Amino acid sequence: MARLSILGLVSAALVAGCSAKKRQRTKEPIDELLSLADEQWRDRGQVGLDQLDAALIDADSRRPGDREVLWRLARVEVARGLAATEERSRVVHFGQAREFGLRCLDRHGGFRQQRRLGEWTTGLDLLPAAFAPCAGWASVAWARWVTMVGPEAVALDRQGAVALGEWASGAARPDVAGLGAWALATLGSASLDWVERGQVLGHYATARRAGVGGLWLEADQLVWVARPSGDQEMIERLEARLRDTRADVPEDAAARRVID
């Protein structure tokens, strides 16, 4: 009887070990695909944007709805929207990025429920820090989308877009906080009656310190703040930055169109 018990314990241990190894094997390809996607993102100045989501699409097919996949897909679509030359393409890419970001956030059931009730702030306060990249890229995408589709959308989408930007701007991760600040700067500078000019410029400065936004920070300030205000010194300073700073990624190259 004792021998049978020992054999049973050994068999159970072997089964558990095999199950653990199987789980490890099924996890590793996703991690490898995410690492590849991040490497391609860093090298997008050389590889371009066309195939930037190939590894992520593969990962999504293996593990549908994964949070780490969805926020990276949002990041790719934001980049494509910034680099696009046609207005319609920009709207489509920013809209797609927003959807990826919201799908990412909706993985949290409490947030999803509150969002559907229109309680954005309550829902966002339920999110753990792991959801911060989802909110950061969703906020940037939504802010860009709002500025593209016009004042009607601004009125309809203001609450969600601003709530996302404010929550992301308070994130512990500096890059996510920078994304939130960039979103708030975009929303504020496109509709200066919402916030004061100094606050908008402060958001731009926060985004720049966080290393996000690239040359679009200069381009947006030039188009939405400096030129409308007639601030010649600011215009010249921003145009010089756009002209003289190296554009290492497609989005930065596209930002220079505002001075062509």
C-alpha atoms as a PDB file:
ATOM      1  CA  MET A   1       0.000   0.000   0.000  1.00  0.00           C
ATOM      2  CA  ALA A   2       2.829   2.336   0.907  1.00  0.00           C
ATOM      3  CA  ARG A   3       4.522   1.529  -2.383  1.00  0.00           C
ATOM      4  CA  LEU A   4       1.369   2.384  -4.311  1.00  0.00           C
ATOM      5  CA  SER A   5       1.138   5.712  -2.488  1.00  0.00           C
ATOM      6  CA  ILE A   6       4.736   6.532  -3.376  1.00  0.00           C
ATOM      7  CA  LEU A   7       4.145   5.598  -7.004  1.00  0.00           C
ATOM      8  CA  GLY A   8       1.062   7.786  -7.024  1.00  0.00           C
ATOM      9  CA  LEU A   9       3.002  10.746  -5.673  1.00  0.00           C
ATOM     10  CA  VAL A  10       5.747  10.242  -8.254  1.00  0.00           C
ATOM     11  CA  SER A  11       3.208  10.036 -11.066  1.00  0.00           C
ATOM     12  CA  ALA A  12       1.474  13.198  -9.867  1.00  0.00           C
ATOM     13  CA  ALA A  13       4.804  15.021  -9.714  1.00  0.00           C
ATOM     14  CA  LEU A  14       5.670  13.932 -13.247  1.00  0.00           C
ATOM     15  CA  VAL A  15       2.283  15.059 -14.549  1.00  0.00           C
ATOM     16  CA  ALA A  16       2.635  18.417 -12.778  1.00  0.00           C
ATOM     17  CA  GLY A  17       6.153  18.829 -14.181  1.00  0.00           C
ATOM     18  CA  CYS A  18       4.987  18.077 -17.702  1.00  0.00           C
ATOM     19  CA  SER A  19       2.091  20.521 -17.334  1.00  0.00           C
ATOM     20  CA  ALA A  20       4.434  23.252 -16.119  1.00  0.00           C
ATOM     21  CA  LYS A  21       6.796  22.644 -19.040  1.00  0.00           C
ATOM     22  CA  LYS A  22       3.859  22.731 -21.441  1.00  0.00           C
ATOM     23  CA  ARG A  23       2.684  26.044 -20.011  1.00  0.00           C
ATOM     24  CA  GLN A  24       6.216  27.397 -20.340  1.00  0.00           C
ATOM     25  CA  ARG A  25       6.435  26.271 -23.955  1.00  0.00           C
ATOM     26  CA  THR A  26       3.116  27.924 -24.824  1.00  0.00           C
ATOM     27  CA  LYS A  27       4.176  31.177 -23.144  1.00  0.00           C
ATOM     28  CA  GLU A  28       7.609  31.541 -24.653  1.00  0.00           C
ATOM     29  CA  PRO A  29       6.533  32.216 -28.270  1.00  0.00           C
ATOM     30  CA  ILE A  30       4.373  35.158 -27.108  1.00  0.00           C
ATOM     31  CA  ASP A  31       7.237  36.651 -25.132  1.00  0.00           C
ATOM     32  CA  GLU A  32       9.555  36.209 -28.089  1.00  0.00           C
ATOM     33  CA  LEU A  33       7.044  37.891 -30.399  1.00  0.00           C
ATOM     34  CA  LEU A  34       6.653  40.814 -28.004  1.00  0.00           C
ATOM     35  CA  SER A  35      10.436  41.175 -27.787  1.00  0.00           C
ATOM     36  CA  LEU A  36      10.632  41.126 -31.577  1.00  0.00           C
ATOM     37  CA  ALA A  37       7.889  43.752 -31.811  1.00  0.00           C
ATOM     38  CA  ASP A  38       9.759  46.012 -29.374  1.00  0.00           C
ATOM     39  CA  GLU A  39      12.997  45.554 -31.306  1.00  0.00           C
ATOM     40  CA  GLN A  40      11.264  46.452 -34.569  1.00  0.00           C
ATOM     41  CA  TRP A  41       9.713  49.482 -32.873  1.00  0.00           C
ATOM     42  CA  ARG A  42      13.141  50.723 -31.820  1.00  0.00           C
ATOM     43  CA  ASP A  43      14.457  50.111 -35.370  1.00  0.00           C
ATOM     44  CA  ARG A  44      11.450  51.545 -37.223  1.00  0.00           C
ATOM     45  CA  GLY A  45      13.620  54.259 -38.688  1.00  0.00           C
ATOM     46  CA  GLN A  46      15.336  51.522 -40.699  1.00  0.00           C
ATOM     47  CA  VAL A  47      12.575  48.918 -41.143  1.00  0.00           C
ATOM     48  CA  GLY A  48       9.669  51.323 -41.680  1.00  0.00           C
ATOM     49  CA  LEU A  49       6.087  51.005 -40.465  1.00  0.00           C
ATOM     50  CA  ASP A  50       4.469  48.665 -43.007  1.00  0.00           C
ATOM     51  CA  GLN A  51       5.371  45.378 -41.286  1.00  0.00           C
ATOM     52  CA  LEU A  52       5.693  46.778 -37.792  1.00  0.00           C
ATOM     53  CA  ASP A  53       2.652  44.879 -36.525  1.00  0.00           C
ATOM     54  CA  ALA A  54       3.415  41.476 -38.094  1.00  0.00           C
ATOM     55  CA  ALA A  55       4.770  39.945 -34.879  1.00  0.00           C
ATOM     56  CA  LEU A  56       1.912  41.464 -32.883  1.00  0.00           C
ATOM     57  CA  ILE A  57      -0.732  40.052 -35.213  1.00  0.00           C
ATOM     58  CA  ASP A  58       0.899  36.652 -34.802  1.00  0.00           C
ATOM     59  CA  ALA A  59       0.883  37.093 -31.024  1.00  0.00           C
ATOM     60  CA  ASP A  60      -2.770  38.174 -31.065  1.00  0.00           C
ATOM     61  CA  SER A  61      -3.722  35.034 -32.993  1.00  0.00           C
ATOM     62  CA  ARG A  62      -2.011  32.902 -30.337  1.00  0.00           C
ATOM     63  CA  ARG A  63      -3.401  34.785 -27.350  1.00  0.00           C
ATOM     64  CA  PRO A  64      -6.390  36.931 -28.444  1.00  0.00           C
ATOM     65  CA  GLY A  65      -7.049  40.063 -26.443  1.00  0.00           C
ATOM     66  CA  ASP A  66      -3.767  40.025 -24.541  1.00  0.00           C
ATOM     67  CA  ARG A  67      -3.123  43.362 -22.844  1.00  0.00           C
ATOM     68  CA  GLU A  68       0.580  43.470 -23.749  1.00  0.00           C
ATOM     69  CA  VAL A  69      -0.257  42.864 -27.406  1.00  0.00           C
ATOM     70  CA  LEU A  70      -3.103  45.390 -27.603  1.00  0.00           C
ATOM     71  CA  TRP A  71      -1.233  48.427 -26.283  1.00  0.00           C
ATOM     72  CA  ARG A  72       1.637  47.714 -28.657  1.00  0.00           C
ATOM     73  CA  LEU A  73      -0.828  47.538 -31.563  1.00  0.00           C
ATOM     74  CA  ALA A  74      -2.172  50.922 -30.461  1.00  0.00           C
ATOM     75  CA  ARG A  75       1.390  52.274 -30.477  1.00  0.00           C
ATOM     76  CA  VAL A  76       1.937  51.092 -34.052  1.00  0.00           C
ATOM     77  CA  GLU A  77      -1.296  52.671 -35.274  1.00  0.00           C
ATOM     78  CA  VAL A  78      -0.459  55.994 -33.621  1.00  0.00           C
ATOM     79  CA  ALA A  79       2.879  56.004 -35.455  1.00  0.00           C
ATOM     80  CA  ARG A  80       1.169  55.190 -38.750  1.00  0.00           C
ATOM     81  CA  GLY A  81      -1.335  57.960 -38.196  1.00  0.00           C
ATOM     82  CA  LEU A  82       1.385  60.505 -37.513  1.00  0.00           C
ATOM     83  CA  ALA A  83       3.344  59.405 -40.584  1.00  0.00           C
ATOM     84  CA  ALA A  84       0.370  59.226 -42.975  1.00  0.00           C
ATOM     85  CA  THR A  85       0.211  61.829 -45.733  1.00  0.00           C
ATOM     86  CA  GLU A  86      -3.549  61.735 -46.344  1.00  0.00           C
ATOM     87  CA  GLU A  87      -6.055  63.055 -43.849  1.00  0.00           C
ATOM     88  CA  ARG A  88      -8.405  60.105 -44.289  1.00  0.00           C
ATOM     89  CA  SER A  89      -5.594  57.667 -43.513  1.00  0.00           C
ATOM     90  CA  ARG A  90      -4.674  59.586 -40.379  1.00  0.00           C
ATOM     91  CA  VAL A  91      -8.260  59.450 -39.127  1.00  0.00           C
ATOM     92  CA  VAL A  92      -8.437  55.699 -39.772  1.00  0.00           C
ATOM     93  CA  HIS A  93      -5.124  54.943 -38.039  1.00  0.00           C
ATOM     94  CA  PHE A  94      -5.869  57.092 -34.988  1.00  0.00           C
ATOM     95  CA  GLY A  95      -9.340  55.574 -34.751  1.00  0.00           C
ATOM     96  CA  GLN A  96      -7.879  52.083 -34.909  1.00  0.00           C
ATOM     97  CA  ALA A  97      -5.291  52.960 -32.264  1.00  0.00           C
ATOM     98  CA  ARG A  98      -8.037  54.257 -30.000  1.00  0.00           C
ATOM     99  CA  GLU A  99      -9.976  51.009 -30.416  1.00  0.00           C
ATOM    100  CA  PHE A 100      -6.926  48.905 -29.567  1.00  0.00           C
ATOM    101  CA  GLY A 101      -6.310  51.048 -26.500  1.00  0.00           C
ATOM    102  CA  LEU A 102      -9.895  50.780 -25.298  1.00  0.00           C
ATOM    103  CA  ARG A 103      -9.955  47.023 -25.894  1.00  0.00           C
ATOM    104  CA  CYS A 104      -6.816  46.854 -23.779  1.00  0.00           C
ATOM    105  CA  LEU A 105      -8.426  48.845 -20.953  1.00  0.00           C
ATOM    106  CA  ASP A 106     -11.651  46.871 -21.218  1.00  0.00           C
ATOM    107  CA  ARG A 107      -9.752  43.756 -20.196  1.00  0.00           C
ATOM    108  CA  HIS A 108     -10.418  45.071 -16.694  1.00  0.00           C
ATOM    109  CA  GLY A 109     -14.047  44.248 -15.961  1.00  0.00           C
ATOM    110  CA  GLY A 110     -14.562  47.043 -13.445  1.00  0.00           C
ATOM    111  CA  PHE A 111     -13.282  49.689 -15.822  1.00  0.00           C
ATOM    112  CA  ARG A 112     -15.370  48.289 -18.671  1.00  0.00           C
ATOM    113  CA  GLN A 113     -18.542  48.481 -16.620  1.00  0.00           C
ATOM    114  CA  GLN A 114     -17.907  52.043 -15.451  1.00  0.00           C
ATOM    115  CA  ARG A 115     -16.929  53.232 -18.928  1.00  0.00           C
ATOM    116  CA  ARG A 116     -20.204  51.956 -20.346  1.00  0.00           C
ATOM    117  CA  LEU A 117     -21.985  53.987 -17.673  1.00  0.00           C
ATOM    118  CA  GLY A 118     -20.013  57.066 -18.711  1.00  0.00           C
ATOM    119  CA  GLU A 119     -18.099  57.078 -15.411  1.00  0.00           C
ATOM    120  CA  TRP A 120     -14.612  57.433 -16.859  1.00  0.00           C
ATOM    121  CA  THR A 121     -12.811  58.721 -13.785  1.00  0.00           C
ATOM    122  CA  THR A 122     -14.332  56.078 -11.519  1.00  0.00           C
ATOM    123  CA  GLY A 123     -13.396  53.347 -13.969  1.00  0.00           C
ATOM    124  CA  LEU A 124      -9.844  54.568 -14.452  1.00  0.00           C
ATOM    125  CA  ASP A 125      -9.282  54.728 -10.703  1.00  0.00           C
ATOM    126  CA  LEU A 126      -9.949  50.976 -10.574  1.00  0.00           C
ATOM    127  CA  LEU A 127      -7.079  50.154 -12.917  1.00  0.00           C
ATOM    128  CA  PRO A 128      -3.799  48.738 -11.611  1.00  0.00           C
ATOM    129  CA  ALA A 129      -0.500  50.097 -12.886  1.00  0.00           C
ATOM    130  CA  ALA A 130      -0.171  47.287 -15.445  1.00  0.00           C
ATOM    131  CA  PHE A 131      -2.845  49.000 -17.546  1.00  0.00           C
ATOM    132  CA  ALA A 132      -0.949  52.302 -17.741  1.00  0.00           C
ATOM    133  CA  PRO A 133       0.486  51.768 -21.269  1.00  0.00           C
ATOM    134  CA  CYS A 134      -3.024  50.999 -22.529  1.00  0.00           C
ATOM    135  CA  ALA A 135      -4.269  54.323 -21.176  1.00  0.00           C
ATOM    136  CA  GLY A 136      -1.218  56.233 -22.389  1.00  0.00           C
ATOM    137  CA  TRP A 137      -1.427  55.192 -26.029  1.00  0.00           C
ATOM    138  CA  ALA A 138      -5.232  55.302 -26.034  1.00  0.00           C
ATOM    139  CA  SER A 139      -5.103  58.892 -24.785  1.00  0.00           C
ATOM    140  CA  VAL A 140      -2.702  59.998 -27.513  1.00  0.00           C
ATOM    141  CA  ALA A 141      -4.716  58.200 -30.192  1.00  0.00           C
ATOM    142  CA  TRP A 142      -7.998  59.651 -29.003  1.00  0.00           C
ATOM    143  CA  ALA A 143      -6.605  63.170 -28.755  1.00  0.00           C
ATOM    144  CA  ARG A 144      -5.252  63.015 -32.317  1.00  0.00           C
ATOM    145  CA  TRP A 145      -8.500  61.527 -33.591  1.00  0.00           C
ATOM    146  CA  VAL A 146     -10.548  64.276 -31.964  1.00  0.00           C
ATOM    147  CA  THR A 147      -8.473  67.006 -33.593  1.00  0.00           C
ATOM    148  CA  MET A 148      -8.926  65.343 -36.988  1.00  0.00           C
ATOM    149  CA  VAL A 149     -12.682  64.805 -37.053  1.00  0.00           C
ATOM    150  CA  GLY A 150     -13.817  68.227 -35.927  1.00  0.00           C
ATOM    151  CA  PRO A 151     -15.710  70.128 -33.225  1.00  0.00           C
ATOM    152  CA  GLU A 152     -18.726  67.781 -33.162  1.00  0.00           C
ATOM    153  CA  ALA A 153     -16.499  64.899 -32.084  1.00  0.00           C
ATOM    154  CA  VAL A 154     -14.717  67.182 -29.619  1.00  0.00           C
ATOM    155  CA  ALA A 155     -18.033  67.843 -27.884  1.00  0.00           C
ATOM    156  CA  LEU A 156     -18.986  64.163 -27.849  1.00  0.00           C
ATOM    157  CA  ASP A 157     -15.624  62.711 -26.901  1.00  0.00           C
ATOM    158  CA  ARG A 158     -14.187  65.360 -24.620  1.00  0.00           C
ATOM    159  CA  GLN A 159     -14.955  63.540 -21.375  1.00  0.00           C
ATOM    160  CA  GLY A 160     -13.293  60.246 -22.305  1.00  0.00           C
ATOM    161  CA  ALA A 161     -10.314  61.797 -24.041  1.00  0.00           C
ATOM    162  CA  VAL A 162      -9.517  64.227 -21.230  1.00  0.00           C
ATOM    163  CA  ALA A 163     -10.092  61.609 -18.505  1.00  0.00           C
ATOM    164  CA  LEU A 164      -7.668  59.213 -20.200  1.00  0.00           C
ATOM    165  CA  GLY A 165      -5.059  61.929 -20.632  1.00  0.00           C
ATOM    166  CA  GLU A 166      -5.326  63.060 -17.027  1.00  0.00           C
ATOM    167  CA  TRP A 167      -5.110  59.529 -15.635  1.00  0.00           C
ATOM    168  CA  ALA A 168      -2.163  58.588 -17.843  1.00  0.00           C
ATOM    169  CA  SER A 169      -0.333  61.841 -17.015  1.00  0.00           C
ATOM    170  CA  GLY A 170      -0.349  60.809 -13.364  1.00  0.00           C
ATOM    171  CA  ALA A 171       1.160  57.368 -14.006  1.00  0.00           C
ATOM    172  CA  ALA A 172       4.312  56.314 -12.170  1.00  0.00           C
ATOM    173  CA  ARG A 173       6.031  55.335 -15.414  1.00  0.00           C
ATOM    174  CA  PRO A 174       7.628  58.483 -16.904  1.00  0.00           C
ATOM    175  CA  ASP A 175       6.973  57.413 -20.511  1.00  0.00           C
ATOM    176  CA  VAL A 176       3.262  56.839 -19.834  1.00  0.00           C
ATOM    177  CA  ALA A 177       3.002  60.110 -17.915  1.00  0.00           C
ATOM    178  CA  GLY A 178       4.592  61.773 -20.941  1.00  0.00           C
ATOM    179  CA  LEU A 179       2.025  60.205 -23.252  1.00  0.00           C
ATOM    180  CA  GLY A 180      -0.782  61.522 -21.064  1.00  0.00           C
ATOM    181  CA  ALA A 181       0.762  64.996 -21.065  1.00  0.00           C
ATOM    182  CA  TRP A 182       1.115  64.845 -24.859  1.00  0.00           C
ATOM    183  CA  ALA A 183      -2.562  63.944 -25.167  1.00  0.00           C
ATOM    184  CA  LEU A 184      -3.606  66.819 -22.904  1.00  0.00           C
ATOM    185  CA  ALA A 185      -1.342  69.204 -24.823  1.00  0.00           C
ATOM    186  CA  THR A 186      -2.920  68.081 -28.097  1.00  0.00           C
ATOM    187  CA  LEU A 187      -6.451  68.537 -26.800  1.00  0.00           C
ATOM    188  CA  GLY A 188      -5.647  71.833 -25.157  1.00  0.00           C
ATOM    189  CA  SER A 189      -3.753  73.401 -28.029  1.00  0.00           C
ATOM    190  CA  ALA A 190      -6.358  72.390 -30.596  1.00  0.00           C
ATOM    191  CA  SER A 191      -9.056  74.097 -28.506  1.00  0.00           C
ATOM    192  CA  LEU A 192      -7.366  76.758 -26.437  1.00  0.00           C
ATOM    193  CA  ASP A 193     -10.614  77.774 -24.762  1.00  0.00           C
ATOM    194  CA  TRP A 194     -10.448  74.562 -22.722  1.00  0.00           C
ATOM    195  CA  VAL A 195      -7.287  75.406 -20.837  1.00  0.00           C
ATOM    196  CA  GLU A 196      -4.839  78.234 -20.450  1.00  0.00           C
ATOM    197  CA  ARG A 197      -1.917  78.587 -22.852  1.00  0.00           C
ATOM    198  CA  GLY A 198       0.644  78.236 -20.046  1.00  0.00           C
ATOM    199  CA  GLN A 199      -0.875  74.930 -18.993  1.00  0.00           C
ATOM    200  CA  VAL A 200      -0.725  73.662 -22.579  1.00  0.00           C
ATOM    201  CA  LEU A 201       2.937  74.603 -22.881  1.00  0.00           C
ATOM    202  CA  GLY A 202       3.580  72.882 -19.555  1.00  0.00           C
ATOM    203  CA  HIS A 203       2.100  69.651 -20.937  1.00  0.00           C
ATOM    204  CA  TYR A 204       4.358  69.900 -23.983  1.00  0.00           C
ATOM    205  CA  ALA A 205       7.383  70.378 -21.733  1.00  0.00           C
ATOM    206  CA  THR A 206       6.431  67.329 -19.658  1.00  0.00           C
ATOM    207  CA  ALA A 207       6.084  65.203 -22.776  1.00  0.00           C
ATOM    208  CA  ARG A 208       9.446  66.376 -24.075  1.00  0.00           C
ATOM    209  CA  ARG A 209      11.196  65.545 -20.787  1.00  0.00           C
ATOM    210  CA  ALA A 210       9.673  62.063 -20.953  1.00  0.00           C
ATOM    211  CA  GLY A 211      11.078  61.551 -24.441  1.00  0.00           C
ATOM    212  CA  VAL A 212       7.750  61.021 -26.204  1.00  0.00           C
ATOM    213  CA  GLY A 213       6.163  62.802 -29.146  1.00  0.00           C
ATOM    214  CA  GLY A 214       9.361  63.549 -31.035  1.00  0.00           C
ATOM    215  CA  LEU A 215       9.171  66.405 -33.505  1.00  0.00           C
ATOM    216  CA  TRP A 216       5.377  66.383 -33.367  1.00  0.00           C
ATOM    217  CA  LEU A 217       5.644  68.353 -30.143  1.00  0.00           C
ATOM    218  CA  GLU A 218       7.277  71.175 -32.097  1.00  0.00           C
ATOM    219  CA  ALA A 219       4.953  70.766 -35.078  1.00  0.00           C
ATOM    220  CA  ASP A 220       1.809  70.929 -32.943  1.00  0.00           C
ATOM    221  CA  GLN A 221       2.988  73.949 -30.985  1.00  0.00           C
ATOM    222  CA  LEU A 222       3.871  75.704 -34.219  1.00  0.00           C
ATOM    223  CA  VAL A 223       0.508  75.044 -35.876  1.00  0.00           C
ATOM    224  CA  TRP A 224      -1.832  75.371 -32.901  1.00  0.00           C
ATOM    225  CA  VAL A 225      -0.103  77.813 -30.544  1.00  0.00           C
ATOM    226  CA  ALA A 226       2.664  79.900 -32.120  1.00  0.00           C
ATOM    227  CA  ARG A 227       1.183  80.759 -35.523  1.00  0.00           C
ATOM    228  CA  PRO A 228      -2.343  81.591 -34.291  1.00  0.00           C
ATOM    229  CA  SER A 229      -0.915  83.821 -31.552  1.00  0.00           C
ATOM    230  CA  GLY A 230       1.524  85.523 -33.916  1.00  0.00           C
ATOM    231  CA  ASP A 231       4.421  84.891 -31.530  1.00  0.00           C
ATOM    232  CA  GLN A 232       7.255  85.418 -34.020  1.00  0.00           C
ATOM    233  CA  GLU A 233      10.036  84.443 -31.639  1.00  0.00           C
ATOM    234  CA  MET A 234       8.291  81.168 -30.834  1.00  0.00           C
ATOM    235  CA  ILE A 235       7.579  80.526 -34.524  1.00  0.00           C
ATOM    236  CA  GLU A 236      11.236  80.955 -35.456  1.00  0.00           C
ATOM    237  CA  ARG A 237      12.434  78.775 -32.580  1.00  0.00           C
ATOM    238  CA  LEU A 238      10.058  75.917 -33.418  1.00  0.00           C
ATOM    239  CA  GLU A 239      10.740  76.090 -37.148  1.00  0.00           C
ATOM    240  CA  ALA A 240      14.482  75.933 -36.447  1.00  0.00           C
ATOM    241  CA  ARG A 241      14.031  72.811 -34.296  1.00  0.00           C
ATOM    242  CA  LEU A 242      11.958  71.140 -36.977  1.00  0.00           C
ATOM    243  CA  ARG A 243      14.472  72.031 -39.645  1.00  0.00           C
ATOM    244  CA  ASP A 244      17.683  71.208 -37.762  1.00  0.00           C
ATOM    245  CA  THR A 245      16.790  68.155 -35.634  1.00  0.00           C
ATOM    246  CA  ARG A 246      17.521  64.749 -37.158  1.00  0.00           C
ATOM    247  CA  ALA A 247      14.405  62.818 -38.114  1.00  0.00           C
ATOM    248  CA  ASP A 248      15.330  59.224 -37.280  1.00  0.00           C
ATOM    249  CA  VAL A 249      11.809  57.755 -37.440  1.00  0.00           C
ATOM    250  CA  PRO A 250       8.999  58.117 -40.023  1.00  0.00           C
ATOM    251  CA  GLU A 251       6.808  60.129 -37.657  1.00  0.00           C
ATOM    252  CA  ASP A 252       9.467  62.802 -37.175  1.00  0.00           C
ATOM    253  CA  ALA A 253      10.035  63.049 -40.912  1.00  0.00           C
ATOM    254  CA  ALA A 254       6.307  63.590 -41.352  1.00  0.00           C
ATOM    255  CA  ALA A 255       6.229  66.315 -38.688  1.00  0.00           C
ATOM    256  CA  ARG A 256       8.473  68.457 -40.866  1.00  0.00           C
ATOM    257  CA  ARG A 257       5.656  68.804 -43.396  1.00  0.00           C
ATOM    258  CA  VAL A 258       4.328  71.756 -41.397  1.00  0.00           C
ATOM    259  CA  ILE A 259       7.303  73.883 -42.519  1.00  0.00           C
ATOM    260  CA  ASP A 260       7.408  72.715 -46.157  1.00  0.00           C
END
